[in-house]
Structures are given as structure tokens and as C-alpha cells.
Amino acid sequence: MRIALFPGSFDPFTNGHLDVVRRGTALFDKVIIAIGNNSSKQRYLPVEQMAGMIEQVFQDEPKVSVQTYKGLTADFAHEIGAKFLLRGLRNTTDFEYENTIAQANRHVNPELETVFLITSPALAAISSTIIREIHRFGGNVDDFVPFALPAPAPQE
């Protein structure tokens, strides 16, 4: 079975992420969306809440599941038997960053292959960071995410 792990903080999960997962299901027998805890970032939405929202999006897609994890992505992939990491690339900046991570993951887990999918052009401008900022200040993000986000916390 060809299992791909699609790791990220997904804070929030965007339509760009959705596109990568859907395209990934054509390449792999199973795609596991793995929500990691990035120690250098403070989350906007709780991991458990985001996992539940993503699960709802894929409730009718048997090839897709959602898991949370802590620690190194390469170690988690080994634990669950995933031989592939699925990553989306919006631009050359993403490639530089992702290439470095792919090399490190391969060092930690030599059986792990990273597969890059180029983001669909209509979705390339979307980033979780931009969506968080728009949402935080009360802007409408419905066109960028596959679910309704909870009301933002009041700004001080």
C-alpha cells in the first residue's frame, strides 16, 4: 500500500491544502493529513479543533484520514508506515524551504521520499498566514478555506 503523509500545522487548513490532498489521492492508496505541533509557532486555532474540521471535509473520502502528532515528521512517517511525504509548492521560496526539509527528513528516515505537487495557479496566492490575518481582523475568508472558521477572538 502506498501511504503518503501530508504534514503541516494547517492553521488553518486552506483550499490550497485541500487541492493537494485531492490530487494526492490519485497518486497514493492512502493520504494521511498529519497535523504537527511546530514548536516555533503559536497556534491560531487548537489542533483538536482543526483536526475535527478537516475530518468533516473528508468524511466521504475513504482514502483520507487525519492524525495529530508530536516530534519529527520523519519519525512519525516511519511509525505509521508512510514511505512518502506529500508537499505542495506555491513558488520558488516554498521550494527552497521544502527542499531543505526533504533532505533532513531523508537523513532521519532514508526510506522516506518527498513528492512535491505544484499548487494550482488559482490557489497559489493563498497562505495560512494571510488567512489568519484577514480572519483575525474580521475579514471574510470563506473563499480561502473549505469550512467556516469560528469567530475571531476580540482584538485589544
N, C-alpha and C. Protein backbone atom coordinates (compact mmCIF):
# COMPACT_ATOMS: atom_id res chain seq x y z
N MET A 1 0.85 -1.18 0.00
CA MET A 1 0.00 0.00 0.00
C MET A 1 0.89 1.24 0.00
N ARG A 2 0.58 2.17 -0.89
CA ARG A 2 1.36 3.42 -1.00
C ARG A 2 0.70 4.48 -0.11
N ILE A 3 1.33 4.71 1.05
CA ILE A 3 0.79 5.66 2.04
C ILE A 3 1.61 6.94 1.99
N ALA A 4 0.91 8.06 1.82
CA ALA A 4 1.56 9.37 1.83
C ALA A 4 1.11 10.14 3.06
N LEU A 5 2.06 10.79 3.66
CA LEU A 5 1.81 11.65 4.81
C LEU A 5 1.85 13.08 4.31
N PHE A 6 0.80 13.85 4.59
CA PHE A 6 0.76 15.27 4.23
C PHE A 6 0.84 16.04 5.54
N PRO A 7 2.08 16.39 5.95
CA PRO A 7 2.25 17.03 7.24
C PRO A 7 2.17 18.55 7.17
N GLY A 8 1.76 19.15 8.27
CA GLY A 8 1.75 20.60 8.37
C GLY A 8 1.09 21.04 9.65
N SER A 9 1.14 22.34 9.89
CA SER A 9 0.44 22.87 11.06
C SER A 9 -1.03 23.12 10.72
N PHE A 10 -1.32 23.37 9.44
CA PHE A 10 -2.69 23.56 8.96
C PHE A 10 -3.47 24.49 9.90
N ASP A 11 -2.95 25.69 10.03
CA ASP A 11 -3.51 26.65 10.99
C ASP A 11 -3.87 27.96 10.29
N PRO A 12 -4.92 27.93 9.45
CA PRO A 12 -5.88 26.88 9.18
C PRO A 12 -5.54 26.08 7.91
N PHE A 13 -6.29 25.01 7.71
CA PHE A 13 -6.26 24.20 6.50
C PHE A 13 -6.94 25.02 5.41
N THR A 14 -6.26 25.19 4.27
CA THR A 14 -6.75 26.07 3.21
C THR A 14 -7.27 25.27 2.01
N ASN A 15 -7.88 25.99 1.07
CA ASN A 15 -8.30 25.36 -0.17
C ASN A 15 -7.08 24.88 -0.97
N GLY A 16 -5.93 25.51 -0.79
CA GLY A 16 -4.70 25.03 -1.41
C GLY A 16 -4.31 23.67 -0.85
N HIS A 17 -4.42 23.50 0.47
CA HIS A 17 -4.15 22.20 1.09
C HIS A 17 -5.15 21.16 0.57
N LEU A 18 -6.40 21.55 0.50
CA LEU A 18 -7.46 20.66 0.00
C LEU A 18 -7.12 20.17 -1.41
N ASP A 19 -6.66 21.06 -2.25
CA ASP A 19 -6.29 20.73 -3.62
C ASP A 19 -5.15 19.70 -3.65
N VAL A 20 -4.14 19.90 -2.82
CA VAL A 20 -3.01 18.97 -2.77
C VAL A 20 -3.48 17.58 -2.31
N VAL A 21 -4.32 17.52 -1.30
CA VAL A 21 -4.82 16.23 -0.80
C VAL A 21 -5.63 15.53 -1.88
N ARG A 22 -6.53 16.24 -2.50
CA ARG A 22 -7.37 15.61 -3.53
C ARG A 22 -6.53 15.09 -4.69
N ARG A 23 -5.55 15.85 -5.10
CA ARG A 23 -4.67 15.39 -6.18
C ARG A 23 -3.80 14.24 -5.71
N GLY A 24 -3.42 14.26 -4.44
CA GLY A 24 -2.62 13.18 -3.87
C GLY A 24 -3.35 11.85 -3.84
N THR A 25 -4.67 11.90 -3.70
CA THR A 25 -5.43 10.64 -3.66
C THR A 25 -5.40 9.92 -5.01
N ALA A 26 -5.08 10.63 -6.08
CA ALA A 26 -4.94 9.98 -7.38
C ALA A 26 -3.58 9.27 -7.49
N LEU A 27 -2.64 9.64 -6.65
CA LEU A 27 -1.29 9.08 -6.71
C LEU A 27 -1.02 8.00 -5.66
N PHE A 28 -1.76 8.06 -4.55
CA PHE A 28 -1.49 7.18 -3.42
C PHE A 28 -2.75 6.43 -2.99
N ASP A 29 -2.53 5.28 -2.35
CA ASP A 29 -3.65 4.48 -1.85
C ASP A 29 -4.28 5.13 -0.63
N LYS A 30 -3.46 5.84 0.14
CA LYS A 30 -3.95 6.49 1.36
C LYS A 30 -3.15 7.77 1.57
N VAL A 31 -3.86 8.84 1.95
CA VAL A 31 -3.22 10.11 2.30
C VAL A 31 -3.61 10.43 3.73
N ILE A 32 -2.60 10.56 4.58
CA ILE A 32 -2.83 10.91 5.98
C ILE A 32 -2.44 12.36 6.17
N ILE A 33 -3.42 13.18 6.51
CA ILE A 33 -3.16 14.57 6.85
C ILE A 33 -2.67 14.57 8.29
N ALA A 34 -1.42 14.97 8.48
CA ALA A 34 -0.79 14.89 9.79
C ALA A 34 -0.57 16.30 10.34
N ILE A 35 -1.32 16.62 11.38
CA ILE A 35 -1.20 17.95 11.99
C ILE A 35 -0.13 17.88 13.07
N GLY A 36 0.97 18.56 12.80
CA GLY A 36 2.08 18.58 13.73
C GLY A 36 2.04 19.81 14.61
N ASN A 37 2.84 19.76 15.62
CA ASN A 37 2.94 20.90 16.53
C ASN A 37 4.29 21.54 16.28
N ASN A 38 4.30 22.68 15.60
CA ASN A 38 5.53 23.39 15.30
C ASN A 38 5.93 24.20 16.53
N SER A 39 7.04 23.82 17.14
CA SER A 39 7.45 24.46 18.39
C SER A 39 7.81 25.94 18.22
N SER A 40 8.04 26.37 16.97
CA SER A 40 8.39 27.78 16.76
C SER A 40 7.17 28.65 16.44
N LYS A 41 5.98 28.06 16.44
CA LYS A 41 4.77 28.82 16.12
C LYS A 41 3.74 28.68 17.23
N GLN A 42 3.04 29.78 17.51
CA GLN A 42 1.89 29.71 18.41
C GLN A 42 0.65 29.54 17.53
N ARG A 43 -0.18 28.56 17.85
CA ARG A 43 -1.34 28.26 17.02
C ARG A 43 -2.42 29.33 17.14
N TYR A 44 -3.12 29.52 16.03
CA TYR A 44 -4.28 30.40 15.98
C TYR A 44 -5.53 29.63 16.39
N LEU A 45 -5.65 28.39 15.90
CA LEU A 45 -6.77 27.50 16.23
C LEU A 45 -6.22 26.24 16.88
N PRO A 46 -6.88 25.70 17.90
CA PRO A 46 -6.39 24.49 18.56
C PRO A 46 -6.29 23.30 17.60
N VAL A 47 -5.27 22.48 17.80
CA VAL A 47 -5.02 21.31 16.94
C VAL A 47 -6.26 20.42 16.87
N GLU A 48 -6.87 20.12 18.00
CA GLU A 48 -8.02 19.21 18.03
C GLU A 48 -9.19 19.78 17.23
N GLN A 49 -9.40 21.07 17.32
CA GLN A 49 -10.48 21.71 16.59
C GLN A 49 -10.21 21.63 15.08
N MET A 50 -8.98 21.93 14.68
CA MET A 50 -8.64 21.87 13.26
C MET A 50 -8.75 20.45 12.73
N ALA A 51 -8.30 19.46 13.51
CA ALA A 51 -8.41 18.05 13.09
C ALA A 51 -9.87 17.69 12.83
N GLY A 52 -10.75 18.09 13.72
CA GLY A 52 -12.18 17.80 13.54
C GLY A 52 -12.76 18.46 12.31
N MET A 53 -12.35 19.69 12.05
CA MET A 53 -12.86 20.41 10.87
C MET A 53 -12.38 19.74 9.58
N ILE A 54 -11.12 19.32 9.56
CA ILE A 54 -10.58 18.65 8.37
C ILE A 54 -11.25 17.29 8.18
N GLU A 55 -11.46 16.56 9.27
CA GLU A 55 -12.14 15.26 9.17
C GLU A 55 -13.52 15.42 8.54
N GLN A 56 -14.24 16.48 8.89
CA GLN A 56 -15.56 16.73 8.30
C GLN A 56 -15.47 16.92 6.79
N VAL A 57 -14.44 17.64 6.34
CA VAL A 57 -14.26 17.89 4.91
C VAL A 57 -14.09 16.58 4.14
N PHE A 58 -13.37 15.63 4.74
CA PHE A 58 -13.05 14.37 4.05
C PHE A 58 -13.87 13.18 4.55
N GLN A 59 -15.00 13.43 5.19
CA GLN A 59 -15.78 12.34 5.78
C GLN A 59 -16.24 11.31 4.76
N ASP A 60 -16.39 11.69 3.50
CA ASP A 60 -16.83 10.76 2.47
C ASP A 60 -15.69 10.27 1.58
N GLU A 61 -14.45 10.50 2.02
CA GLU A 61 -13.29 10.10 1.23
C GLU A 61 -12.49 9.05 2.01
N PRO A 62 -12.70 7.77 1.71
CA PRO A 62 -12.06 6.69 2.49
C PRO A 62 -10.53 6.66 2.38
N LYS A 63 -9.96 7.29 1.35
CA LYS A 63 -8.51 7.28 1.19
C LYS A 63 -7.82 8.32 2.08
N VAL A 64 -8.59 9.19 2.73
CA VAL A 64 -8.01 10.29 3.50
C VAL A 64 -8.36 10.14 4.97
N SER A 65 -7.34 10.33 5.82
CA SER A 65 -7.57 10.36 7.26
C SER A 65 -6.76 11.50 7.86
N VAL A 66 -7.06 11.82 9.11
CA VAL A 66 -6.39 12.93 9.81
C VAL A 66 -5.83 12.39 11.11
N GLN A 67 -4.58 12.73 11.38
CA GLN A 67 -3.95 12.37 12.65
C GLN A 67 -3.16 13.57 13.16
N THR A 68 -2.95 13.60 14.46
CA THR A 68 -2.07 14.61 15.04
C THR A 68 -0.83 13.90 15.55
N TYR A 69 0.25 14.66 15.64
CA TYR A 69 1.49 14.04 16.12
C TYR A 69 2.41 15.10 16.73
N LYS A 70 3.36 14.60 17.50
CA LYS A 70 4.41 15.45 18.07
C LYS A 70 5.73 14.82 17.70
N GLY A 71 6.75 15.61 17.60
CA GLY A 71 8.07 15.09 17.27
C GLY A 71 8.39 15.28 15.80
N LEU A 72 9.38 14.54 15.35
CA LEU A 72 9.87 14.66 13.98
C LEU A 72 8.90 14.00 12.99
N THR A 73 8.66 14.69 11.90
CA THR A 73 7.79 14.17 10.85
C THR A 73 8.32 12.85 10.30
N ALA A 74 9.63 12.78 10.08
CA ALA A 74 10.23 11.56 9.51
C ALA A 74 10.03 10.37 10.45
N ASP A 75 10.12 10.60 11.74
CA ASP A 75 9.89 9.52 12.71
C ASP A 75 8.42 9.09 12.70
N PHE A 76 7.52 10.07 12.63
CA PHE A 76 6.09 9.75 12.60
C PHE A 76 5.76 8.95 11.34
N ALA A 77 6.32 9.35 10.21
CA ALA A 77 6.09 8.62 8.96
C ALA A 77 6.52 7.16 9.11
N HIS A 78 7.67 6.95 9.72
CA HIS A 78 8.16 5.58 9.95
C HIS A 78 7.20 4.80 10.85
N GLU A 79 6.72 5.44 11.92
CA GLU A 79 5.80 4.78 12.87
C GLU A 79 4.53 4.29 12.20
N ILE A 80 4.00 5.06 11.26
CA ILE A 80 2.73 4.70 10.65
C ILE A 80 2.88 3.98 9.30
N GLY A 81 4.12 3.75 8.88
CA GLY A 81 4.36 3.03 7.64
C GLY A 81 4.23 3.84 6.37
N ALA A 82 4.31 5.16 6.48
CA ALA A 82 4.25 6.01 5.29
C ALA A 82 5.64 6.10 4.66
N LYS A 83 5.72 5.86 3.38
CA LYS A 83 7.00 5.93 2.66
C LYS A 83 7.14 7.22 1.86
N PHE A 84 6.06 8.01 1.85
CA PHE A 84 6.05 9.24 1.06
C PHE A 84 5.57 10.42 1.89
N LEU A 85 6.20 11.56 1.68
CA LEU A 85 5.70 12.83 2.22
C LEU A 85 5.14 13.59 1.03
N LEU A 86 3.95 14.10 1.17
CA LEU A 86 3.30 14.89 0.14
C LEU A 86 3.40 16.36 0.54
N ARG A 87 3.91 17.18 -0.37
CA ARG A 87 4.07 18.60 -0.08
C ARG A 87 3.62 19.42 -1.28
N GLY A 88 3.02 20.56 -1.03
CA GLY A 88 2.62 21.48 -2.09
C GLY A 88 3.61 22.61 -2.20
N LEU A 89 3.86 23.05 -3.43
CA LEU A 89 4.77 24.17 -3.68
C LEU A 89 4.02 25.28 -4.40
N ARG A 90 4.02 26.47 -3.78
CA ARG A 90 3.37 27.63 -4.41
C ARG A 90 4.35 28.42 -5.27
N ASN A 91 5.62 28.43 -4.87
CA ASN A 91 6.60 29.30 -5.53
C ASN A 91 8.02 28.81 -5.23
N THR A 92 9.00 29.54 -5.73
CA THR A 92 10.40 29.13 -5.53
C THR A 92 10.83 29.25 -4.07
N THR A 93 10.25 30.18 -3.34
CA THR A 93 10.56 30.30 -1.91
C THR A 93 10.14 29.04 -1.18
N ASP A 94 8.94 28.54 -1.49
CA ASP A 94 8.48 27.27 -0.91
C ASP A 94 9.46 26.15 -1.25
N PHE A 95 9.92 26.12 -2.52
CA PHE A 95 10.83 25.05 -2.92
C PHE A 95 12.12 25.08 -2.10
N GLU A 96 12.71 26.24 -1.93
CA GLU A 96 13.96 26.34 -1.16
C GLU A 96 13.76 25.79 0.24
N TYR A 97 12.69 26.20 0.89
CA TYR A 97 12.38 25.75 2.25
C TYR A 97 12.10 24.25 2.29
N GLU A 98 11.23 23.79 1.40
CA GLU A 98 10.82 22.38 1.38
C GLU A 98 11.96 21.45 0.98
N ASN A 99 12.83 21.89 0.09
CA ASN A 99 13.96 21.07 -0.32
C ASN A 99 14.88 20.80 0.87
N THR A 100 15.15 21.80 1.68
CA THR A 100 15.99 21.64 2.87
C THR A 100 15.35 20.64 3.84
N ILE A 101 14.05 20.79 4.06
CA ILE A 101 13.35 19.88 4.97
C ILE A 101 13.34 18.46 4.40
N ALA A 102 13.13 18.32 3.10
CA ALA A 102 13.11 16.99 2.48
C ALA A 102 14.46 16.29 2.67
N GLN A 103 15.55 17.03 2.53
CA GLN A 103 16.87 16.45 2.72
C GLN A 103 17.07 15.99 4.17
N ALA A 104 16.63 16.81 5.12
CA ALA A 104 16.76 16.44 6.54
C ALA A 104 15.88 15.23 6.86
N ASN A 105 14.67 15.20 6.34
CA ASN A 105 13.78 14.06 6.57
C ASN A 105 14.39 12.78 5.99
N ARG A 106 15.00 12.89 4.85
CA ARG A 106 15.63 11.72 4.21
C ARG A 106 16.81 11.22 5.03
N HIS A 107 17.50 12.15 5.67
CA HIS A 107 18.62 11.77 6.54
C HIS A 107 18.11 10.99 7.76
N VAL A 108 17.02 11.48 8.35
CA VAL A 108 16.44 10.83 9.53
C VAL A 108 15.79 9.50 9.16
N ASN A 109 15.11 9.46 8.01
CA ASN A 109 14.39 8.26 7.58
C ASN A 109 14.73 8.02 6.10
N PRO A 110 15.79 7.23 5.81
CA PRO A 110 16.24 7.04 4.44
C PRO A 110 15.21 6.43 3.49
N GLU A 111 14.16 5.81 4.03
CA GLU A 111 13.12 5.21 3.17
C GLU A 111 12.05 6.21 2.76
N LEU A 112 12.14 7.43 3.27
CA LEU A 112 11.09 8.43 3.05
C LEU A 112 11.39 9.27 1.82
N GLU A 113 10.46 9.27 0.88
CA GLU A 113 10.58 10.04 -0.34
C GLU A 113 9.60 11.21 -0.30
N THR A 114 10.06 12.41 -0.60
CA THR A 114 9.17 13.57 -0.63
C THR A 114 8.69 13.80 -2.06
N VAL A 115 7.38 13.96 -2.21
CA VAL A 115 6.76 14.19 -3.51
C VAL A 115 6.15 15.59 -3.47
N PHE A 116 6.59 16.42 -4.41
CA PHE A 116 6.10 17.79 -4.48
C PHE A 116 5.03 17.92 -5.57
N LEU A 117 3.93 18.58 -5.22
CA LEU A 117 2.91 18.92 -6.21
C LEU A 117 2.89 20.44 -6.33
N ILE A 118 2.91 20.92 -7.55
CA ILE A 118 2.83 22.36 -7.78
C ILE A 118 1.39 22.79 -7.54
N THR A 119 1.23 23.83 -6.73
CA THR A 119 -0.10 24.33 -6.41
C THR A 119 -0.83 24.80 -7.67
N SER A 120 -2.10 24.52 -7.74
CA SER A 120 -2.91 25.01 -8.84
C SER A 120 -2.82 26.54 -8.88
N PRO A 121 -2.65 27.13 -10.06
CA PRO A 121 -2.43 28.58 -10.15
C PRO A 121 -3.47 29.44 -9.43
N ALA A 122 -4.72 29.04 -9.47
CA ALA A 122 -5.78 29.84 -8.83
C ALA A 122 -5.64 29.87 -7.31
N LEU A 123 -4.86 28.93 -6.75
CA LEU A 123 -4.74 28.82 -5.29
C LEU A 123 -3.35 29.22 -4.79
N ALA A 124 -2.45 29.58 -5.68
CA ALA A 124 -1.06 29.82 -5.30
C ALA A 124 -0.86 31.01 -4.37
N ALA A 125 -1.76 31.96 -4.37
CA ALA A 125 -1.59 33.14 -3.52
C ALA A 125 -2.09 32.91 -2.09
N ILE A 126 -2.72 31.78 -1.86
CA ILE A 126 -3.31 31.51 -0.55
C ILE A 126 -2.24 30.99 0.41
N SER A 127 -2.20 31.57 1.60
CA SER A 127 -1.34 31.02 2.66
C SER A 127 -2.10 31.10 3.98
N SER A 128 -1.80 30.17 4.85
CA SER A 128 -2.44 30.18 6.17
C SER A 128 -2.16 31.48 6.91
N THR A 129 -0.97 32.01 6.75
CA THR A 129 -0.59 33.26 7.43
C THR A 129 -1.49 34.40 7.00
N ILE A 130 -1.70 34.55 5.71
CA ILE A 130 -2.56 35.62 5.20
C ILE A 130 -4.00 35.42 5.67
N ILE A 131 -4.47 34.17 5.61
CA ILE A 131 -5.84 33.88 6.03
C ILE A 131 -6.03 34.21 7.51
N ARG A 132 -5.05 33.86 8.34
CA ARG A 132 -5.14 34.18 9.77
C ARG A 132 -5.26 35.69 9.98
N GLU A 133 -4.47 36.46 9.28
CA GLU A 133 -4.51 37.92 9.45
C GLU A 133 -5.85 38.49 9.02
N ILE A 134 -6.35 38.06 7.88
CA ILE A 134 -7.65 38.55 7.41
C ILE A 134 -8.73 38.18 8.43
N HIS A 135 -8.72 36.94 8.88
CA HIS A 135 -9.73 36.45 9.82
C HIS A 135 -9.62 37.15 11.17
N ARG A 136 -8.40 37.31 11.66
CA ARG A 136 -8.16 37.94 12.97
C ARG A 136 -8.80 39.33 13.05
N PHE A 137 -8.80 40.03 11.91
CA PHE A 137 -9.34 41.39 11.90
C PHE A 137 -10.74 41.46 11.30
N GLY A 138 -11.43 40.31 11.30
CA GLY A 138 -12.84 40.29 10.95
C GLY A 138 -13.16 40.20 9.47
N GLY A 139 -12.13 39.97 8.64
CA GLY A 139 -12.37 39.85 7.20
C GLY A 139 -12.98 38.51 6.84
N ASN A 140 -13.59 38.44 5.69
CA ASN A 140 -14.24 37.23 5.20
C ASN A 140 -13.19 36.34 4.52
N VAL A 141 -13.03 35.11 5.01
CA VAL A 141 -12.05 34.17 4.44
C VAL A 141 -12.73 32.96 3.78
N ASP A 142 -14.04 33.05 3.58
CA ASP A 142 -14.80 31.91 3.05
C ASP A 142 -14.27 31.38 1.72
N ASP A 143 -13.69 32.25 0.89
CA ASP A 143 -13.17 31.81 -0.41
C ASP A 143 -11.84 31.06 -0.30
N PHE A 144 -11.24 31.07 0.88
CA PHE A 144 -9.89 30.51 1.05
C PHE A 144 -9.84 29.21 1.85
N VAL A 145 -10.92 28.87 2.55
CA VAL A 145 -10.94 27.67 3.40
C VAL A 145 -12.18 26.83 3.07
N PRO A 146 -12.08 25.49 3.25
CA PRO A 146 -13.21 24.63 2.88
C PRO A 146 -14.25 24.46 3.98
N PHE A 147 -14.24 25.32 5.00
CA PHE A 147 -15.19 25.25 6.11
C PHE A 147 -15.27 26.63 6.74
N ALA A 148 -16.29 26.83 7.55
CA ALA A 148 -16.43 28.10 8.25
C ALA A 148 -15.50 28.12 9.46
N LEU A 149 -14.74 29.17 9.59
CA LEU A 149 -13.87 29.31 10.77
C LEU A 149 -14.69 29.91 11.92
N PRO A 150 -14.35 29.55 13.15
CA PRO A 150 -15.05 30.15 14.28
C PRO A 150 -14.77 31.66 14.33
N ALA A 151 -15.64 32.38 15.01
CA ALA A 151 -15.47 33.83 15.12
C ALA A 151 -14.10 34.13 15.72
N PRO A 152 -13.42 35.17 15.22
CA PRO A 152 -12.11 35.51 15.76
C PRO A 152 -12.21 36.07 17.17
N ALA A 153 -11.12 35.91 17.91
CA ALA A 153 -11.06 36.50 19.25
C ALA A 153 -11.08 38.01 19.13
N PRO A 154 -11.71 38.71 20.08
CA PRO A 154 -11.74 40.17 20.02
C PRO A 154 -10.32 40.75 20.06
N GLN A 155 -10.10 41.80 19.28
CA GLN A 155 -8.79 42.49 19.25
C GLN A 155 -8.74 43.54 20.35
N GLU A 156 -7.58 43.67 20.95
CA GLU A 156 -7.41 44.68 22.01
C GLU A 156 -6.78 45.93 21.47
